[in-house]
Protein backbone atom coordinates (compact mmCIF):
# COMPACT_ATOMS: atom_id res chain seq x y z
CA MET A 1 94.73 130.75 76.44
CA ARG A 2 93.45 127.23 77.08
CA ILE A 3 95.55 124.15 76.35
CA THR A 4 94.48 120.56 76.95
CA LEU A 5 96.77 117.60 77.49
CA ASP A 6 94.80 115.82 74.76
CA GLY A 7 96.24 118.28 72.27
CA ILE A 8 99.80 117.62 73.46
CA VAL A 9 99.20 113.86 73.38
CA ALA A 10 97.99 114.09 69.78
CA LEU A 11 100.93 116.31 68.83
CA ASP A 12 103.38 113.83 70.34
CA ALA A 13 101.82 110.83 68.59
CA ILE A 14 101.74 112.58 65.20
CA ASP A 15 105.39 113.57 65.48
CA ARG A 16 106.48 110.05 66.41
CA HIS A 17 104.54 108.41 63.56
CA LYS A 18 104.90 111.30 61.06
CA SER A 19 101.28 110.61 60.17
CA PHE A 20 97.86 111.75 61.38
CA ALA A 21 96.38 108.37 60.42
CA ALA A 22 98.96 106.35 62.37
CA ALA A 23 98.59 108.66 65.36
CA ALA A 24 94.82 108.22 65.25
CA LYS A 25 95.24 104.44 65.24
CA GLU A 26 97.54 104.57 68.31
CA LEU A 27 95.12 106.86 70.14
CA HIS A 28 92.08 104.77 69.15
CA LYS A 29 90.41 107.79 67.61
CA ALA A 30 89.13 108.76 64.20
CA GLN A 31 91.62 110.70 62.09
CA SER A 32 89.17 113.58 61.88
CA ALA A 33 89.04 113.76 65.69
CA VAL A 34 92.84 113.96 65.89
CA SER A 35 92.91 116.67 63.22
CA TYR A 36 90.26 118.63 65.11
CA THR A 37 92.22 118.34 68.38
CA VAL A 38 95.35 119.70 66.68
CA LYS A 39 93.35 122.53 65.11
CA GLN A 40 91.98 123.48 68.53
CA LEU A 41 95.53 123.53 69.93
CA GLU A 42 96.73 125.75 67.08
CA GLU A 43 93.87 128.16 67.62
CA ALA A 44 94.51 128.26 71.37
CA LEU A 45 98.20 128.99 70.84
CA GLY A 46 97.78 131.24 67.79
CA VAL A 47 100.49 129.45 65.77
CA GLU A 48 100.64 126.77 63.09
CA LEU A 49 102.11 123.57 64.45
CA PHE A 50 102.42 121.58 61.21
CA ASP A 51 103.66 122.37 57.73
CA ARG A 52 100.81 121.03 55.64
CA ALA A 53 102.49 121.57 52.25
CA GLY A 54 103.79 117.99 51.95
CA HIS A 55 102.35 114.54 52.35
CA ARG A 56 104.00 113.84 55.71
CA ALA A 57 103.18 115.52 59.01
CA VAL A 58 106.13 117.81 59.61
CA LEU A 59 106.30 120.13 62.59
CA THR A 60 107.02 123.80 62.12
CA ASP A 61 109.68 125.42 64.27
CA ALA A 62 106.91 126.68 66.53
CA GLY A 63 105.40 123.19 66.61
CA ARG A 64 108.72 121.67 67.59
CA ALA A 65 109.16 124.17 70.44
CA VAL A 66 105.61 123.54 71.68
CA LEU A 67 106.13 119.77 71.52
CA GLU A 68 109.35 119.91 73.55
CA GLU A 69 107.64 121.85 76.31
CA GLY A 70 104.53 119.71 75.95
CA ARG A 71 106.46 116.49 76.48
CA ALA A 72 107.74 117.89 79.75
CA LEU A 73 104.10 118.57 80.72
CA LEU A 74 103.13 115.02 79.75
CA ALA A 75 105.95 113.56 81.86
CA HIS A 76 104.82 115.62 84.83
CA ALA A 77 101.20 114.61 84.31
CA ARG A 78 102.19 110.94 84.27
CA ARG A 79 104.06 111.41 87.54
CA VAL A 80 100.92 112.99 89.03
CA GLU A 81 98.86 110.03 87.85
CA SER A 82 101.40 107.63 89.37
CA LEU A 83 101.32 109.59 92.63
CA ALA A 84 97.52 109.43 92.73
CA ALA A 85 97.62 105.69 92.07
CA ARG A 86 100.00 105.19 94.97
CA MET A 87 97.81 107.35 97.20
CA ARG A 88 94.90 105.08 96.40
CA GLU A 89 97.08 102.26 97.74
CA ALA A 90 97.03 104.05 101.16
CA TRP A 91 100.35 105.88 100.97
CA GLU A 92 99.89 108.87 103.25
CA PRO A 93 100.71 112.24 101.60
CA ARG A 94 102.88 113.45 104.52
CA LEU A 95 104.91 111.88 107.30
CA VAL A 96 106.44 113.99 110.10
CA VAL A 97 109.07 112.35 112.30
CA VAL A 98 110.71 113.92 115.36
CA VAL A 99 114.09 112.42 116.31
CA ASP A 100 115.91 112.73 119.62
CA GLY A 101 119.33 114.23 118.91
CA ILE A 102 121.11 111.66 121.05
CA LEU A 103 120.15 108.90 118.60
CA PRO A 104 122.27 108.00 115.55
CA MET A 105 120.92 109.55 112.35
CA ASP A 106 122.45 107.05 109.92
CA PRO A 107 119.75 104.39 110.40
CA VAL A 108 117.08 107.04 109.84
CA LEU A 109 118.73 108.49 106.75
CA LEU A 110 119.49 105.08 105.26
CA SER A 111 115.87 104.10 105.84
CA LEU A 112 114.73 107.26 104.06
CA LYS A 113 117.01 106.39 101.15
CA ARG A 114 115.39 102.97 100.97
CA LEU A 115 111.95 104.59 100.88
CA ALA A 116 113.11 106.80 98.02
CA ASP A 117 114.58 103.80 96.17
CA GLU A 118 111.26 102.00 96.58
CA GLY A 119 109.44 104.94 95.01
CA VAL A 120 107.33 105.77 98.06
CA PRO A 121 105.49 109.02 97.19
CA THR A 122 105.04 110.30 100.76
CA HIS A 123 106.66 113.63 101.68
CA VAL A 124 108.78 113.01 104.79
CA GLN A 125 109.86 115.72 107.22
CA ILE A 126 112.51 115.02 109.86
CA ARG A 127 112.91 117.29 112.89
CA VAL A 128 115.66 116.90 115.51
CA GLU A 129 115.07 117.99 119.11
CA PHE A 130 116.61 117.31 122.53
CA LEU A 131 115.25 116.03 125.85
CA GLY A 132 111.73 117.42 126.47
CA GLY A 133 111.81 119.20 123.14
CA VAL A 134 111.24 115.89 121.35
CA GLN A 135 107.80 115.31 122.83
CA ASP A 136 106.93 119.01 122.76
CA ARG A 137 107.61 119.17 119.01
CA PHE A 138 105.86 115.83 118.46
CA GLU A 139 102.67 117.12 120.08
CA ALA A 140 102.78 120.71 118.82
CA SER A 141 103.31 119.74 115.18
CA GLY A 142 100.89 116.79 115.20
CA ALA A 143 103.79 114.58 114.10
CA ASP A 144 103.23 110.97 113.16
CA LEU A 145 106.25 109.38 114.85
CA MET A 146 108.95 110.23 117.36
CA LEU A 147 112.17 108.37 118.05
CA VAL A 148 113.04 109.23 121.61
CA LYS A 149 115.13 108.36 124.65
CA ASP A 150 112.81 109.64 127.40
CA TYR A 151 109.24 110.91 127.25
CA VAL A 152 106.11 111.18 129.38
CA ARG A 153 104.26 107.94 128.75
CA SER A 154 100.53 107.87 128.15
CA ALA A 155 97.81 105.37 127.30
CA ALA A 156 97.20 107.48 124.19
CA LEU A 157 100.64 106.61 122.82
CA VAL A 158 101.99 103.36 121.37
CA GLU A 159 105.70 102.60 121.61
CA HIS A 160 108.01 100.20 119.79
CA PRO A 161 111.45 99.43 121.30
CA LEU A 162 114.54 100.09 119.21
CA ALA A 163 118.09 98.78 119.59
CA PRO A 164 119.82 99.64 122.90
CA LEU A 165 122.45 102.39 122.94
CA ASP A 166 125.48 102.80 125.21
CA VAL A 167 126.50 106.15 126.69
CA VAL A 168 129.94 106.80 128.22
CA LEU A 169 131.42 109.48 130.47
CA VAL A 170 134.48 110.89 128.72
CA ALA A 171 137.04 113.67 128.66
CA HIS A 172 140.03 114.56 126.49
CA HIS A 173 143.15 112.55 127.34
CA GLY A 174 144.87 115.79 128.39
CA HIS A 175 142.09 116.84 130.74
CA PRO A 176 143.03 116.73 134.49
CA LEU A 177 140.25 114.19 135.19
CA ALA A 178 141.77 111.73 132.70
CA ALA A 179 144.90 111.38 134.84
CA GLU A 180 143.03 110.16 137.93
CA GLU A 181 142.66 106.49 138.88
CA SER A 182 139.31 106.99 140.59
CA LEU A 183 136.83 109.88 140.56
CA THR A 184 134.11 110.82 143.04
CA LEU A 185 131.15 113.09 142.44
CA GLU A 186 132.99 115.90 144.22
CA ASP A 187 135.96 115.45 141.86
CA LEU A 188 133.72 115.85 138.83
CA GLN A 189 131.90 118.87 140.26
CA ARG A 190 135.13 120.84 140.38
CA HIS A 191 135.37 120.84 136.58
CA VAL A 192 133.34 122.14 133.66
CA GLU A 193 130.59 119.74 132.67
CA LEU A 194 129.40 119.64 129.07
CA THR A 195 125.79 118.84 128.30
CA VAL A 196 123.22 119.44 125.58
CA HIS A 197 120.57 122.10 126.00
CA ASP A 198 116.95 121.00 126.40
CA SER A 199 115.18 122.35 123.31
CA SER A 200 111.83 122.59 125.14
CA ASP A 201 110.42 125.22 127.45
CA SER A 202 108.40 122.77 129.51
CA ARG A 203 111.38 120.92 131.03
CA ARG A 204 109.01 118.02 131.68
CA VAL A 205 111.76 115.50 130.87
CA ALA A 206 114.55 116.08 133.36
CA ASP A 207 118.19 115.34 132.58
CA THR A 208 118.98 113.12 135.55
CA ARG A 209 122.60 112.59 134.47
CA ILE A 210 123.86 116.11 135.24
CA PHE A 211 126.39 116.03 138.09
CA GLY A 212 125.34 119.30 139.72
CA GLY A 213 128.60 121.25 139.64
CA SER A 214 128.70 125.03 139.53
CA ARG A 215 130.04 125.19 135.96
CA VAL A 216 127.91 123.61 133.25
CA PHE A 217 128.32 124.53 129.58
CA TYR A 218 125.29 123.83 127.40
CA MET A 219 125.88 122.83 123.78
CA SER A 220 123.24 123.12 121.05
CA ASP A 221 123.69 119.52 119.83
CA PHE A 222 125.88 116.44 120.21
CA GLY A 223 128.11 117.43 117.29
CA SER A 224 129.08 120.58 119.20
CA LYS A 225 129.47 118.60 122.39
CA LYS A 226 131.77 116.11 120.71
CA ARG A 227 133.94 118.93 119.40
CA ALA A 228 134.06 120.56 122.84
CA LEU A 229 135.20 117.25 124.34
CA GLU A 230 137.91 116.93 121.67
CA LEU A 231 139.17 120.41 122.55
CA GLY A 232 139.37 119.56 126.26
CA LEU A 233 136.75 122.13 127.22
CA GLY A 234 135.22 119.83 129.81
CA PHE A 235 133.86 116.35 130.51
CA GLY A 236 130.48 114.83 129.81
CA TRP A 237 128.28 111.98 128.69
CA ALA A 238 128.35 111.02 125.02
CA PRO A 239 126.67 108.25 123.04
CA LEU A 240 129.30 105.62 122.36
CA TYR A 241 128.60 105.44 118.60
CA LEU A 242 129.58 109.12 118.37
CA VAL A 243 132.93 108.90 120.20
CA GLU A 244 133.91 105.25 119.80
CA ASP A 245 136.66 106.02 117.28
CA LEU A 246 138.10 108.76 119.49
CA VAL A 247 138.12 106.45 122.52
CA ALA A 248 139.76 103.69 120.49
CA ARG A 249 142.53 106.09 119.43
CA GLY A 250 143.00 107.33 122.98
CA GLU A 251 142.00 110.90 122.15
CA LEU A 252 139.09 110.64 124.57
CA VAL A 253 139.23 108.66 127.81
CA VAL A 254 136.38 106.93 129.62
CA LEU A 255 136.59 108.41 133.12
CA PRO A 256 136.97 106.10 136.16
CA TYR A 257 133.95 107.51 137.98
CA VAL A 258 132.99 105.47 141.04
CA GLY A 259 129.31 105.92 140.27
CA GLY A 260 129.70 104.30 136.87
CA ALA A 261 131.04 105.68 133.61
CA ARG A 262 128.71 103.83 131.28
CA TYR A 263 125.00 103.20 130.99
CA SER A 264 122.62 101.84 128.37
CA PHE A 265 119.11 102.80 127.40
CA VAL A 266 116.49 101.49 125.00
CA PRO A 267 115.08 104.23 122.76
CA VAL A 268 111.56 103.84 121.47
CA ALA A 269 109.53 104.80 118.43
CA VAL A 270 106.23 106.33 119.49
CA HIS A 271 103.04 107.20 117.62
CA PRO A 272 99.52 108.23 118.70
CA LYS A 273 97.15 105.31 119.27
CA GLU A 274 94.28 107.18 117.62
CA ARG A 275 96.37 107.80 114.51
CA PRO A 276 98.01 104.49 113.57
CA LEU A 277 100.94 104.72 111.21
CA GLY A 278 100.05 104.63 107.54
CA LYS A 279 101.78 102.57 104.91
CA ALA A 280 104.85 104.84 104.64
CA GLY A 281 105.18 105.29 108.40
CA THR A 282 104.93 101.55 108.98
CA ARG A 283 107.54 100.87 106.30
CA LEU A 284 109.89 103.53 107.70
CA LEU A 285 109.64 102.07 111.20
CA GLU A 286 110.35 98.56 109.86
CA LEU A 287 113.46 99.82 108.07
CA ILE A 288 114.73 101.74 111.09
CA GLN A 289 114.30 98.67 113.30
CA GLU A 290 116.15 96.53 110.75
CA ARG A 291 119.06 98.97 110.78
CA GLY A 292 119.41 98.89 114.54
CA ALA A 293 118.32 102.39 115.46
């Protein structure tokens, strides 16, 4: 069975105008050509599409069913044509972004929503990794962009600074450390430290903020770490945006560590120099920077 879109287009026009002649005029074709196209469609499908007993072009039940499905095909075909047109405008077909799990996801997700609202046709894939796993995934998957806290810099990579982020050392208000007026490294090392597991095998990006105690619990992500802090399981570093409300309510306490209980870092967006960002990647980066990620 062979069906052409030309046949569906003719069927749609005839039904809307209730006339072969009017349909032919809309399609800029001779009436005989339109009739021949419909006849070919009927022969391909093995059914009669029009009741030819009257003066007006009236669809049979089979014709109506074929037209309903055909209009769905036409809509899809028009979307494909629109997609191809956008691709000719240099929209890349795929964009892979690796995000460091310590960074806030809202700016990324809101930027993706903006891309969708703007009708960008690029397929976007977001992957979340931690510590060295960010760069490992970036390189292994041939990703286009990574948003990262720490990575091994190279002349082959181009970076763009993002908005600074604050990180605080916290524990539940009922934790023994929260009752102290001043804490030394030895004080911290006597308690369970909570951290996030490096999702890489290379360990080429070291976590320099671990305190070196004998009991360290590794969480799979910062959502789990936040919950562990809320439950008083231990103490640890947390990005301020993630725990700010809990600190404000007094549920978590910033610990009075003599070595400093707060630090800031500037995350960066990184892409390969030999593969500059395409139109969608450039637009996504602009949006993320506008939203303060």
